Amino acid sequence: MVFQKKQIVICVAAVVLVGGFILFRYLPLQKKMKAIEARKNTAQAAITKAAAQSKQLPAIKEQLLHLQTTVGNYTTNIPAERTLGEFLHKIADLMNKHNLSEQQVQPGKEIKTEKLNCIPVSMRCKGRLIRIFEFYKSLQQLERSIRIEQVKLSNDTNLSGEVSMQTEAIIYYKPKADGDTRI
């Protein structure tokens, strides 16, 4: 009987030791292993994503260079002053240079924003189609950004070869902090 009690005590002690090992050592280590495995999988996914994105980098750089050459340095083409009178005078000079008649250049109501202001400009004239196209080419060469919103070309009713041009454009300028409203 004493031998059986010793065996029971040894078995209970072994069960307690195995239970303690499982409860206090094996299960916490198993949780840590799962957490480390999850972090490893997350890191692996991030590495895979970065590798895929790095393959796209040359194409994105090429696209950026293309856009930079297309847009150029647009801020140099947007003056810090309104200079509307000077711009309207340049338009009239261009129309005269290309022998366009019945000239009319009229600014619209100014639209002000925090970083960029714009002024709609309505232009009308009459002339040969080739001269009107030359006028538009000259507009593109100006040192000021101009956005053409609408162009309407109408043939003369008496078919003289003259075309009436009506254009709605927008010019831009950067607002001044001191509220200067020079024209």
N, C-alpha and C. Protein backbone atom coordinates (compact mmCIF):
# COMPACT_ATOMS: atom_id res chain seq x y z
N MET A 1 0.79 -1.18 0.00
CA MET A 1 0.00 0.00 0.00
C MET A 1 0.85 1.27 0.00
N VAL A 2 1.92 1.20 0.72
CA VAL A 2 2.82 2.35 0.76
C VAL A 2 3.39 2.55 -0.65
N PHE A 3 3.65 1.43 -1.33
CA PHE A 3 4.18 1.51 -2.66
C PHE A 3 3.17 2.15 -3.61
N GLN A 4 1.91 1.82 -3.44
CA GLN A 4 0.86 2.39 -4.28
C GLN A 4 0.68 3.88 -3.99
N LYS A 5 0.83 4.27 -2.72
CA LYS A 5 0.70 5.69 -2.38
C LYS A 5 1.85 6.47 -3.03
N LYS A 6 3.04 5.86 -3.01
CA LYS A 6 4.18 6.54 -3.60
C LYS A 6 3.97 6.69 -5.11
N GLN A 7 3.42 5.65 -5.71
CA GLN A 7 3.16 5.71 -7.15
C GLN A 7 2.11 6.78 -7.47
N ILE A 8 1.09 6.86 -6.63
CA ILE A 8 0.03 7.87 -6.84
C ILE A 8 0.63 9.27 -6.67
N VAL A 9 1.45 9.46 -5.65
CA VAL A 9 2.08 10.75 -5.40
C VAL A 9 2.98 11.11 -6.58
N ILE A 10 3.74 10.15 -7.08
CA ILE A 10 4.63 10.40 -8.22
C ILE A 10 3.81 10.74 -9.46
N CYS A 11 2.72 9.99 -9.67
CA CYS A 11 1.84 10.27 -10.82
C CYS A 11 1.20 11.64 -10.70
N VAL A 12 0.72 12.00 -9.53
CA VAL A 12 0.09 13.32 -9.31
C VAL A 12 1.15 14.41 -9.52
N ALA A 13 2.34 14.18 -8.99
CA ALA A 13 3.41 15.16 -9.16
C ALA A 13 3.76 15.30 -10.64
N ALA A 14 3.81 14.19 -11.36
CA ALA A 14 4.11 14.23 -12.79
C ALA A 14 3.02 14.97 -13.55
N VAL A 15 1.76 14.70 -13.19
CA VAL A 15 0.62 15.39 -13.85
C VAL A 15 0.69 16.88 -13.54
N VAL A 16 1.00 17.25 -12.29
CA VAL A 16 1.10 18.66 -11.91
C VAL A 16 2.25 19.31 -12.67
N LEU A 17 3.39 18.63 -12.77
CA LEU A 17 4.53 19.18 -13.51
C LEU A 17 4.21 19.34 -14.99
N VAL A 18 3.61 18.33 -15.58
CA VAL A 18 3.25 18.41 -17.00
C VAL A 18 2.20 19.49 -17.20
N GLY A 19 1.20 19.55 -16.33
CA GLY A 19 0.15 20.59 -16.41
C GLY A 19 0.73 21.97 -16.24
N GLY A 20 1.62 22.14 -15.28
CA GLY A 20 2.27 23.43 -15.06
C GLY A 20 3.11 23.83 -16.27
N PHE A 21 3.85 22.84 -16.83
CA PHE A 21 4.65 23.13 -18.00
C PHE A 21 3.78 23.58 -19.16
N ILE A 22 2.69 22.84 -19.38
CA ILE A 22 1.78 23.20 -20.49
C ILE A 22 1.15 24.56 -20.23
N LEU A 23 0.64 24.78 -19.02
CA LEU A 23 -0.09 26.01 -18.69
C LEU A 23 0.84 27.22 -18.62
N PHE A 24 2.01 27.09 -18.02
CA PHE A 24 2.86 28.26 -17.79
C PHE A 24 4.01 28.43 -18.80
N ARG A 25 4.30 27.42 -19.58
CA ARG A 25 5.42 27.54 -20.50
C ARG A 25 4.99 27.31 -21.95
N TYR A 26 4.33 26.21 -22.25
CA TYR A 26 4.00 25.84 -23.61
C TYR A 26 2.97 26.79 -24.22
N LEU A 27 1.86 27.05 -23.53
CA LEU A 27 0.80 27.91 -24.08
C LEU A 27 1.28 29.36 -24.29
N PRO A 28 2.00 29.98 -23.33
CA PRO A 28 2.50 31.34 -23.61
C PRO A 28 3.48 31.38 -24.80
N LEU A 29 4.34 30.36 -24.89
CA LEU A 29 5.26 30.31 -26.02
C LEU A 29 4.50 30.10 -27.34
N GLN A 30 3.45 29.34 -27.30
CA GLN A 30 2.63 29.11 -28.50
C GLN A 30 1.97 30.42 -28.95
N LYS A 31 1.48 31.24 -27.99
CA LYS A 31 0.88 32.54 -28.32
C LYS A 31 1.92 33.47 -28.93
N LYS A 32 3.13 33.47 -28.33
CA LYS A 32 4.19 34.31 -28.87
C LYS A 32 4.57 33.87 -30.28
N MET A 33 4.63 32.58 -30.52
CA MET A 33 4.95 32.07 -31.85
C MET A 33 3.90 32.49 -32.87
N LYS A 34 2.62 32.44 -32.49
CA LYS A 34 1.55 32.85 -33.41
C LYS A 34 1.65 34.36 -33.70
N ALA A 35 1.94 35.15 -32.66
CA ALA A 35 2.08 36.60 -32.85
C ALA A 35 3.27 36.90 -33.76
N ILE A 36 4.38 36.21 -33.54
CA ILE A 36 5.56 36.41 -34.37
C ILE A 36 5.28 35.97 -35.81
N GLU A 37 4.58 34.87 -35.97
CA GLU A 37 4.22 34.38 -37.31
C GLU A 37 3.32 35.40 -38.02
N ALA A 38 2.38 36.00 -37.28
CA ALA A 38 1.49 37.01 -37.88
C ALA A 38 2.31 38.24 -38.30
N ARG A 39 3.24 38.69 -37.46
CA ARG A 39 4.09 39.83 -37.81
C ARG A 39 4.97 39.51 -39.01
N LYS A 40 5.45 38.27 -39.05
CA LYS A 40 6.28 37.84 -40.17
C LYS A 40 5.47 37.87 -41.46
N ASN A 41 4.23 37.39 -41.42
CA ASN A 41 3.37 37.39 -42.60
C ASN A 41 3.05 38.83 -43.04
N THR A 42 2.81 39.72 -42.07
CA THR A 42 2.53 41.12 -42.38
C THR A 42 3.76 41.77 -43.03
N ALA A 43 4.92 41.50 -42.46
CA ALA A 43 6.16 42.05 -43.02
C ALA A 43 6.41 41.49 -44.42
N GLN A 44 6.13 40.21 -44.61
CA GLN A 44 6.31 39.57 -45.91
C GLN A 44 5.38 40.21 -46.95
N ALA A 45 4.14 40.48 -46.54
CA ALA A 45 3.18 41.13 -47.45
C ALA A 45 3.64 42.54 -47.79
N ALA A 46 4.17 43.26 -46.81
CA ALA A 46 4.67 44.62 -47.06
C ALA A 46 5.86 44.59 -48.00
N ILE A 47 6.74 43.62 -47.83
CA ILE A 47 7.91 43.48 -48.71
C ILE A 47 7.47 43.16 -50.13
N THR A 48 6.50 42.26 -50.27
CA THR A 48 5.99 41.90 -51.59
C THR A 48 5.35 43.10 -52.27
N LYS A 49 4.57 43.86 -51.51
CA LYS A 49 3.91 45.06 -52.05
C LYS A 49 4.95 46.10 -52.47
N ALA A 50 5.95 46.31 -51.63
CA ALA A 50 7.01 47.27 -51.94
C ALA A 50 7.79 46.84 -53.18
N ALA A 51 8.04 45.55 -53.32
CA ALA A 51 8.76 45.05 -54.49
C ALA A 51 7.94 45.29 -55.76
N ALA A 52 6.63 45.05 -55.67
CA ALA A 52 5.76 45.29 -56.83
C ALA A 52 5.72 46.78 -57.17
N GLN A 53 5.65 47.61 -56.14
CA GLN A 53 5.62 49.05 -56.38
C GLN A 53 6.94 49.57 -56.91
N SER A 54 8.04 48.99 -56.46
CA SER A 54 9.35 49.45 -56.92
C SER A 54 9.53 49.14 -58.40
N LYS A 55 8.88 48.10 -58.90
CA LYS A 55 8.94 47.79 -60.33
C LYS A 55 8.21 48.86 -61.15
N GLN A 56 7.21 49.51 -60.54
CA GLN A 56 6.45 50.55 -61.23
C GLN A 56 7.16 51.91 -61.17
N LEU A 57 8.15 52.04 -60.33
CA LEU A 57 8.83 53.32 -60.13
C LEU A 57 9.42 53.90 -61.41
N PRO A 58 10.11 53.13 -62.25
CA PRO A 58 10.63 53.72 -63.49
C PRO A 58 9.52 54.29 -64.39
N ALA A 59 8.41 53.58 -64.48
CA ALA A 59 7.30 54.07 -65.30
C ALA A 59 6.71 55.35 -64.72
N ILE A 60 6.63 55.42 -63.40
CA ILE A 60 6.09 56.63 -62.75
C ILE A 60 7.06 57.79 -62.94
N LYS A 61 8.37 57.53 -62.85
CA LYS A 61 9.35 58.59 -63.08
C LYS A 61 9.25 59.13 -64.50
N GLU A 62 9.10 58.22 -65.45
CA GLU A 62 8.96 58.63 -66.85
C GLU A 62 7.69 59.47 -67.04
N GLN A 63 6.62 59.05 -66.41
CA GLN A 63 5.36 59.80 -66.48
C GLN A 63 5.53 61.19 -65.87
N LEU A 64 6.22 61.27 -64.76
CA LEU A 64 6.47 62.56 -64.10
C LEU A 64 7.28 63.48 -65.00
N LEU A 65 8.33 62.96 -65.60
CA LEU A 65 9.14 63.77 -66.51
C LEU A 65 8.32 64.26 -67.70
N HIS A 66 7.47 63.38 -68.23
CA HIS A 66 6.60 63.78 -69.34
C HIS A 66 5.66 64.90 -68.92
N LEU A 67 5.06 64.76 -67.75
CA LEU A 67 4.16 65.81 -67.26
C LEU A 67 4.91 67.11 -66.99
N GLN A 68 6.11 67.02 -66.45
CA GLN A 68 6.89 68.23 -66.20
C GLN A 68 7.22 68.95 -67.49
N THR A 69 7.56 68.20 -68.53
CA THR A 69 7.86 68.87 -69.80
C THR A 69 6.60 69.41 -70.44
N THR A 70 5.47 68.73 -70.26
CA THR A 70 4.22 69.20 -70.83
C THR A 70 3.75 70.47 -70.13
N VAL A 71 3.74 70.44 -68.82
CA VAL A 71 3.24 71.57 -68.05
C VAL A 71 4.29 72.68 -67.98
N GLY A 72 5.55 72.30 -67.91
CA GLY A 72 6.60 73.30 -67.77
C GLY A 72 6.51 73.93 -66.40
N ASN A 73 7.07 75.06 -66.28
CA ASN A 73 7.01 75.78 -65.00
C ASN A 73 5.85 76.76 -65.09
N TYR A 74 4.64 76.26 -64.83
CA TYR A 74 3.45 77.08 -65.01
C TYR A 74 3.43 78.31 -64.11
N THR A 75 4.10 78.25 -62.97
CA THR A 75 4.06 79.40 -62.06
C THR A 75 4.72 80.62 -62.67
N THR A 76 5.68 80.42 -63.58
CA THR A 76 6.29 81.58 -64.22
C THR A 76 5.34 82.21 -65.22
N ASN A 77 4.35 81.47 -65.68
CA ASN A 77 3.37 81.99 -66.64
C ASN A 77 2.13 82.57 -65.95
N ILE A 78 2.13 82.59 -64.64
CA ILE A 78 1.03 83.20 -63.90
C ILE A 78 1.62 84.36 -63.11
N PRO A 79 1.39 85.57 -63.59
CA PRO A 79 2.02 86.72 -62.92
C PRO A 79 1.45 86.98 -61.53
N ALA A 80 2.25 87.67 -60.74
CA ALA A 80 1.83 88.02 -59.38
C ALA A 80 0.97 89.27 -59.39
N GLU A 81 0.85 89.91 -60.54
CA GLU A 81 0.03 91.11 -60.65
C GLU A 81 -1.07 90.88 -61.67
N ARG A 82 -2.10 91.64 -61.55
CA ARG A 82 -3.26 91.50 -62.43
C ARG A 82 -2.91 91.90 -63.86
N THR A 83 -2.28 93.02 -64.08
CA THR A 83 -1.83 93.55 -65.37
C THR A 83 -2.81 93.26 -66.51
N LEU A 84 -4.08 93.49 -66.27
CA LEU A 84 -5.10 93.21 -67.28
C LEU A 84 -4.97 94.14 -68.48
N GLY A 85 -4.73 95.42 -68.23
CA GLY A 85 -4.61 96.38 -69.32
C GLY A 85 -3.48 96.01 -70.28
N GLU A 86 -2.36 95.60 -69.71
CA GLU A 86 -1.21 95.20 -70.53
C GLU A 86 -1.56 93.97 -71.37
N PHE A 87 -2.27 93.01 -70.77
CA PHE A 87 -2.66 91.81 -71.50
C PHE A 87 -3.63 92.14 -72.63
N LEU A 88 -4.64 92.97 -72.35
CA LEU A 88 -5.61 93.34 -73.38
C LEU A 88 -4.91 94.08 -74.54
N HIS A 89 -3.92 94.89 -74.20
CA HIS A 89 -3.15 95.59 -75.23
C HIS A 89 -2.37 94.59 -76.09
N LYS A 90 -1.79 93.56 -75.49
CA LYS A 90 -1.06 92.54 -76.24
C LYS A 90 -2.01 91.80 -77.19
N ILE A 91 -3.23 91.52 -76.72
CA ILE A 91 -4.21 90.82 -77.57
C ILE A 91 -4.54 91.69 -78.78
N ALA A 92 -4.79 92.97 -78.53
CA ALA A 92 -5.10 93.88 -79.64
C ALA A 92 -3.92 93.97 -80.61
N ASP A 93 -2.70 94.02 -80.10
CA ASP A 93 -1.52 94.06 -80.96
C ASP A 93 -1.41 92.80 -81.81
N LEU A 94 -1.70 91.64 -81.19
CA LEU A 94 -1.65 90.38 -81.95
C LEU A 94 -2.71 90.37 -83.05
N MET A 95 -3.90 90.87 -82.74
CA MET A 95 -4.95 90.92 -83.76
C MET A 95 -4.54 91.84 -84.90
N ASN A 96 -3.93 92.97 -84.57
CA ASN A 96 -3.45 93.89 -85.61
C ASN A 96 -2.33 93.25 -86.43
N LYS A 97 -1.42 92.55 -85.77
CA LYS A 97 -0.29 91.90 -86.43
C LYS A 97 -0.79 90.89 -87.48
N HIS A 98 -1.90 90.21 -87.18
CA HIS A 98 -2.43 89.18 -88.09
C HIS A 98 -3.55 89.73 -88.98
N ASN A 99 -3.67 91.05 -89.03
CA ASN A 99 -4.63 91.72 -89.91
C ASN A 99 -6.07 91.25 -89.69
N LEU A 100 -6.48 91.16 -88.46
CA LEU A 100 -7.85 90.79 -88.12
C LEU A 100 -8.65 92.07 -87.91
N SER A 101 -9.87 92.08 -88.37
CA SER A 101 -10.70 93.29 -88.28
C SER A 101 -11.84 93.08 -87.29
N GLU A 102 -12.61 94.14 -87.09
CA GLU A 102 -13.76 94.14 -86.18
C GLU A 102 -13.38 93.54 -84.81
N GLN A 103 -12.28 94.03 -84.30
CA GLN A 103 -11.73 93.52 -83.06
C GLN A 103 -12.56 93.97 -81.86
N GLN A 104 -12.76 93.05 -80.95
CA GLN A 104 -13.44 93.37 -79.69
C GLN A 104 -12.87 92.45 -78.62
N VAL A 105 -12.27 93.05 -77.60
CA VAL A 105 -11.70 92.28 -76.50
C VAL A 105 -12.29 92.86 -75.22
N GLN A 106 -13.03 92.03 -74.49
CA GLN A 106 -13.73 92.50 -73.30
C GLN A 106 -13.47 91.59 -72.11
N PRO A 107 -13.01 92.15 -71.00
CA PRO A 107 -12.85 91.32 -69.80
C PRO A 107 -14.20 91.12 -69.12
N GLY A 108 -14.34 89.98 -68.45
CA GLY A 108 -15.55 89.69 -67.69
C GLY A 108 -15.33 89.96 -66.22
N LYS A 109 -16.23 89.44 -65.40
CA LYS A 109 -16.14 89.66 -63.96
C LYS A 109 -15.06 88.74 -63.37
N GLU A 110 -14.18 89.35 -62.61
CA GLU A 110 -13.05 88.66 -62.00
C GLU A 110 -13.53 87.65 -60.95
N ILE A 111 -12.89 86.52 -60.93
CA ILE A 111 -13.18 85.47 -59.94
C ILE A 111 -11.97 85.36 -59.03
N LYS A 112 -12.20 85.62 -57.74
CA LYS A 112 -11.08 85.61 -56.79
C LYS A 112 -11.13 84.37 -55.91
N THR A 113 -9.96 83.78 -55.71
CA THR A 113 -9.81 82.67 -54.77
C THR A 113 -8.61 82.98 -53.89
N GLU A 114 -8.32 82.06 -53.00
CA GLU A 114 -7.23 82.29 -52.05
C GLU A 114 -5.85 82.27 -52.71
N LYS A 115 -5.64 81.37 -53.67
CA LYS A 115 -4.30 81.21 -54.23
C LYS A 115 -4.18 81.60 -55.70
N LEU A 116 -5.31 81.69 -56.42
CA LEU A 116 -5.25 81.96 -57.84
C LEU A 116 -6.52 82.69 -58.26
N ASN A 117 -6.36 83.83 -58.90
CA ASN A 117 -7.50 84.60 -59.39
C ASN A 117 -7.56 84.46 -60.90
N CYS A 118 -8.77 84.58 -61.45
CA CYS A 118 -8.90 84.48 -62.90
C CYS A 118 -9.88 85.53 -63.42
N ILE A 119 -9.65 85.91 -64.66
CA ILE A 119 -10.48 86.91 -65.31
C ILE A 119 -10.92 86.33 -66.65
N PRO A 120 -12.23 86.18 -66.86
CA PRO A 120 -12.70 85.74 -68.18
C PRO A 120 -12.54 86.87 -69.19
N VAL A 121 -12.15 86.52 -70.38
CA VAL A 121 -11.96 87.51 -71.44
C VAL A 121 -12.68 87.01 -72.69
N SER A 122 -13.50 87.88 -73.26
CA SER A 122 -14.21 87.56 -74.49
C SER A 122 -13.51 88.27 -75.64
N MET A 123 -13.17 87.50 -76.69
CA MET A 123 -12.47 88.06 -77.84
C MET A 123 -13.28 87.78 -79.10
N ARG A 124 -13.41 88.82 -79.94
CA ARG A 124 -14.10 88.67 -81.22
C ARG A 124 -13.29 89.40 -82.28
N CYS A 125 -13.29 88.83 -83.47
CA CYS A 125 -12.66 89.49 -84.60
C CYS A 125 -13.09 88.79 -85.87
N LYS A 126 -12.61 89.33 -86.98
CA LYS A 126 -12.97 88.80 -88.28
C LYS A 126 -11.71 88.77 -89.14
N GLY A 127 -11.57 87.73 -89.94
CA GLY A 127 -10.41 87.65 -90.83
C GLY A 127 -10.37 86.31 -91.54
N ARG A 128 -9.34 86.12 -92.31
CA ARG A 128 -9.15 84.83 -93.00
C ARG A 128 -8.82 83.75 -91.97
N LEU A 129 -9.24 82.54 -92.27
CA LEU A 129 -9.06 81.43 -91.32
C LEU A 129 -7.59 81.21 -90.98
N ILE A 130 -6.71 81.31 -91.95
CA ILE A 130 -5.28 81.09 -91.70
C ILE A 130 -4.74 82.14 -90.73
N ARG A 131 -5.23 83.35 -90.84
CA ARG A 131 -4.77 84.43 -89.95
C ARG A 131 -5.30 84.24 -88.53
N ILE A 132 -6.50 83.69 -88.43
CA ILE A 132 -7.05 83.40 -87.10
C ILE A 132 -6.24 82.29 -86.42
N PHE A 133 -5.85 81.27 -87.19
CA PHE A 133 -5.01 80.22 -86.63
C PHE A 133 -3.65 80.76 -86.22
N GLU A 134 -3.09 81.64 -87.01
CA GLU A 134 -1.82 82.27 -86.65
C GLU A 134 -1.97 83.09 -85.36
N PHE A 135 -3.12 83.74 -85.20
CA PHE A 135 -3.40 84.48 -83.97
C PHE A 135 -3.40 83.54 -82.77
N TYR A 136 -4.03 82.38 -82.90
CA TYR A 136 -4.05 81.41 -81.80
C TYR A 136 -2.64 80.89 -81.49
N LYS A 137 -1.83 80.67 -82.52
CA LYS A 137 -0.44 80.25 -82.30
C LYS A 137 0.31 81.32 -81.52
N SER A 138 0.07 82.58 -81.88
CA SER A 138 0.72 83.68 -81.16
C SER A 138 0.25 83.74 -79.71
N LEU A 139 -1.02 83.44 -79.48
CA LEU A 139 -1.53 83.40 -78.10
C LEU A 139 -0.77 82.37 -77.28
N GLN A 140 -0.48 81.23 -77.89
CA GLN A 140 0.24 80.17 -77.18
C GLN A 140 1.65 80.61 -76.81
N GLN A 141 2.23 81.51 -77.58
CA GLN A 141 3.60 81.95 -77.33
C GLN A 141 3.70 83.01 -76.24
N LEU A 142 2.55 83.57 -75.81
CA LEU A 142 2.59 84.59 -74.77
C LEU A 142 3.15 84.01 -73.49
N GLU A 143 3.75 84.87 -72.70
CA GLU A 143 4.37 84.44 -71.44
C GLU A 143 3.35 84.36 -70.31
N ARG A 144 2.09 84.34 -70.63
CA ARG A 144 1.05 84.28 -69.62
C ARG A 144 0.14 83.10 -69.92
N SER A 145 -0.25 82.36 -68.88
CA SER A 145 -1.13 81.21 -69.07
C SER A 145 -2.52 81.68 -69.45
N ILE A 146 -3.02 81.11 -70.53
CA ILE A 146 -4.36 81.43 -71.02
C ILE A 146 -5.07 80.10 -71.25
N ARG A 147 -6.28 80.00 -70.75
CA ARG A 147 -7.07 78.79 -71.01
C ARG A 147 -8.22 79.18 -71.93
N ILE A 148 -8.27 78.55 -73.09
CA ILE A 148 -9.34 78.80 -74.04
C ILE A 148 -10.52 77.92 -73.63
N GLU A 149 -11.61 78.54 -73.31
CA GLU A 149 -12.81 77.82 -72.87
C GLU A 149 -13.71 77.43 -74.05
N GLN A 150 -13.85 78.36 -74.99
CA GLN A 150 -14.79 78.13 -76.09
C GLN A 150 -14.33 78.90 -77.31
N VAL A 151 -14.45 78.27 -78.47
CA VAL A 151 -14.12 78.92 -79.73
C VAL A 151 -15.30 78.71 -80.68
N LYS A 152 -15.72 79.79 -81.31
CA LYS A 152 -16.81 79.70 -82.30
C LYS A 152 -16.33 80.40 -83.56
N LEU A 153 -16.29 79.65 -84.64
CA LEU A 153 -15.90 80.19 -85.94
C LEU A 153 -17.12 80.13 -86.84
N SER A 154 -17.44 81.27 -87.46
CA SER A 154 -18.61 81.34 -88.34
C SER A 154 -18.19 81.89 -89.69
N ASN A 155 -18.63 81.23 -90.74
CA ASN A 155 -18.35 81.68 -92.09
C ASN A 155 -19.20 82.90 -92.39
N ASP A 156 -18.68 83.79 -93.21
CA ASP A 156 -19.43 84.98 -93.61
C ASP A 156 -20.65 84.56 -94.45
N THR A 157 -21.73 85.30 -94.33
CA THR A 157 -22.94 84.94 -95.09
C THR A 157 -22.78 85.19 -96.59
N ASN A 158 -21.92 86.14 -96.97
CA ASN A 158 -21.72 86.40 -98.40
C ASN A 158 -20.55 85.61 -98.99
N LEU A 159 -20.01 84.66 -98.25
CA LEU A 159 -18.94 83.75 -98.68
C LEU A 159 -17.73 84.50 -99.26
N SER A 160 -17.28 85.51 -98.53
CA SER A 160 -16.14 86.31 -98.97
C SER A 160 -14.81 85.71 -98.53
N GLY A 161 -14.83 84.63 -97.80
CA GLY A 161 -13.60 84.02 -97.30
C GLY A 161 -13.25 84.51 -95.91
N GLU A 162 -14.02 85.43 -95.39
CA GLU A 162 -13.81 85.95 -94.04
C GLU A 162 -14.52 85.03 -93.04
N VAL A 163 -13.90 84.86 -91.89
CA VAL A 163 -14.46 84.04 -90.82
C VAL A 163 -14.58 84.91 -89.58
N SER A 164 -15.72 84.80 -88.92
CA SER A 164 -15.90 85.51 -87.64
C SER A 164 -15.49 84.57 -86.53
N MET A 165 -14.66 85.08 -85.63
CA MET A 165 -14.16 84.28 -84.52
C MET A 165 -14.68 84.87 -83.21
N GLN A 166 -15.17 83.99 -82.37
CA GLN A 166 -15.61 84.40 -81.03
C GLN A 166 -14.99 83.40 -80.06
N THR A 167 -14.21 83.92 -79.11
CA THR A 167 -13.49 83.07 -78.16
C THR A 167 -13.75 83.53 -76.74
N GLU A 168 -13.98 82.56 -75.87
CA GLU A 168 -14.05 82.82 -74.44
C GLU A 168 -12.80 82.21 -73.82
N ALA A 169 -12.03 83.04 -73.16
CA ALA A 169 -10.76 82.59 -72.56
C ALA A 169 -10.71 83.04 -71.11
N ILE A 170 -9.76 82.48 -70.39
CA ILE A 170 -9.54 82.85 -68.99
C ILE A 170 -8.05 83.09 -68.80
N ILE A 171 -7.74 84.21 -68.15
CA ILE A 171 -6.35 84.48 -67.79
C ILE A 171 -6.24 84.42 -66.27
N TYR A 172 -5.04 84.12 -65.78
CA TYR A 172 -4.83 83.90 -64.36
C TYR A 172 -3.79 84.87 -63.81
N TYR A 173 -3.90 85.14 -62.52
CA TYR A 173 -2.85 85.86 -61.81
C TYR A 173 -2.92 85.48 -60.33
N LYS A 174 -1.78 85.64 -59.67
CA LYS A 174 -1.71 85.32 -58.24
C LYS A 174 -2.16 86.53 -57.45
N PRO A 175 -3.00 86.36 -56.45
CA PRO A 175 -3.44 87.50 -55.66
C PRO A 175 -2.30 88.04 -54.81
N LYS A 176 -2.32 89.36 -54.60
CA LYS A 176 -1.33 89.98 -53.73
C LYS A 176 -1.87 90.02 -52.31
N ALA A 177 -1.00 89.87 -51.36
CA ALA A 177 -1.41 89.87 -49.96
C ALA A 177 -1.87 91.24 -49.50
N ASP A 178 -1.31 92.31 -50.09
CA ASP A 178 -1.64 93.65 -49.62
C ASP A 178 -2.93 94.20 -50.25
N GLY A 179 -3.60 93.44 -51.11
CA GLY A 179 -4.87 93.88 -51.68
C GLY A 179 -4.71 94.84 -52.84
N ASP A 180 -3.56 94.85 -53.49
CA ASP A 180 -3.31 95.74 -54.63
C ASP A 180 -4.28 95.40 -55.76
N THR A 181 -4.96 96.38 -56.30
CA THR A 181 -5.94 96.14 -57.37
C THR A 181 -5.57 96.92 -58.63
N ARG A 182 -4.30 96.94 -58.99
CA ARG A 182 -3.87 97.63 -60.21
C ARG A 182 -4.45 96.97 -61.44
N ILE A 183 -4.70 97.79 -62.42
CA ILE A 183 -5.16 97.28 -63.72
C ILE A 183 -4.07 97.50 -64.67
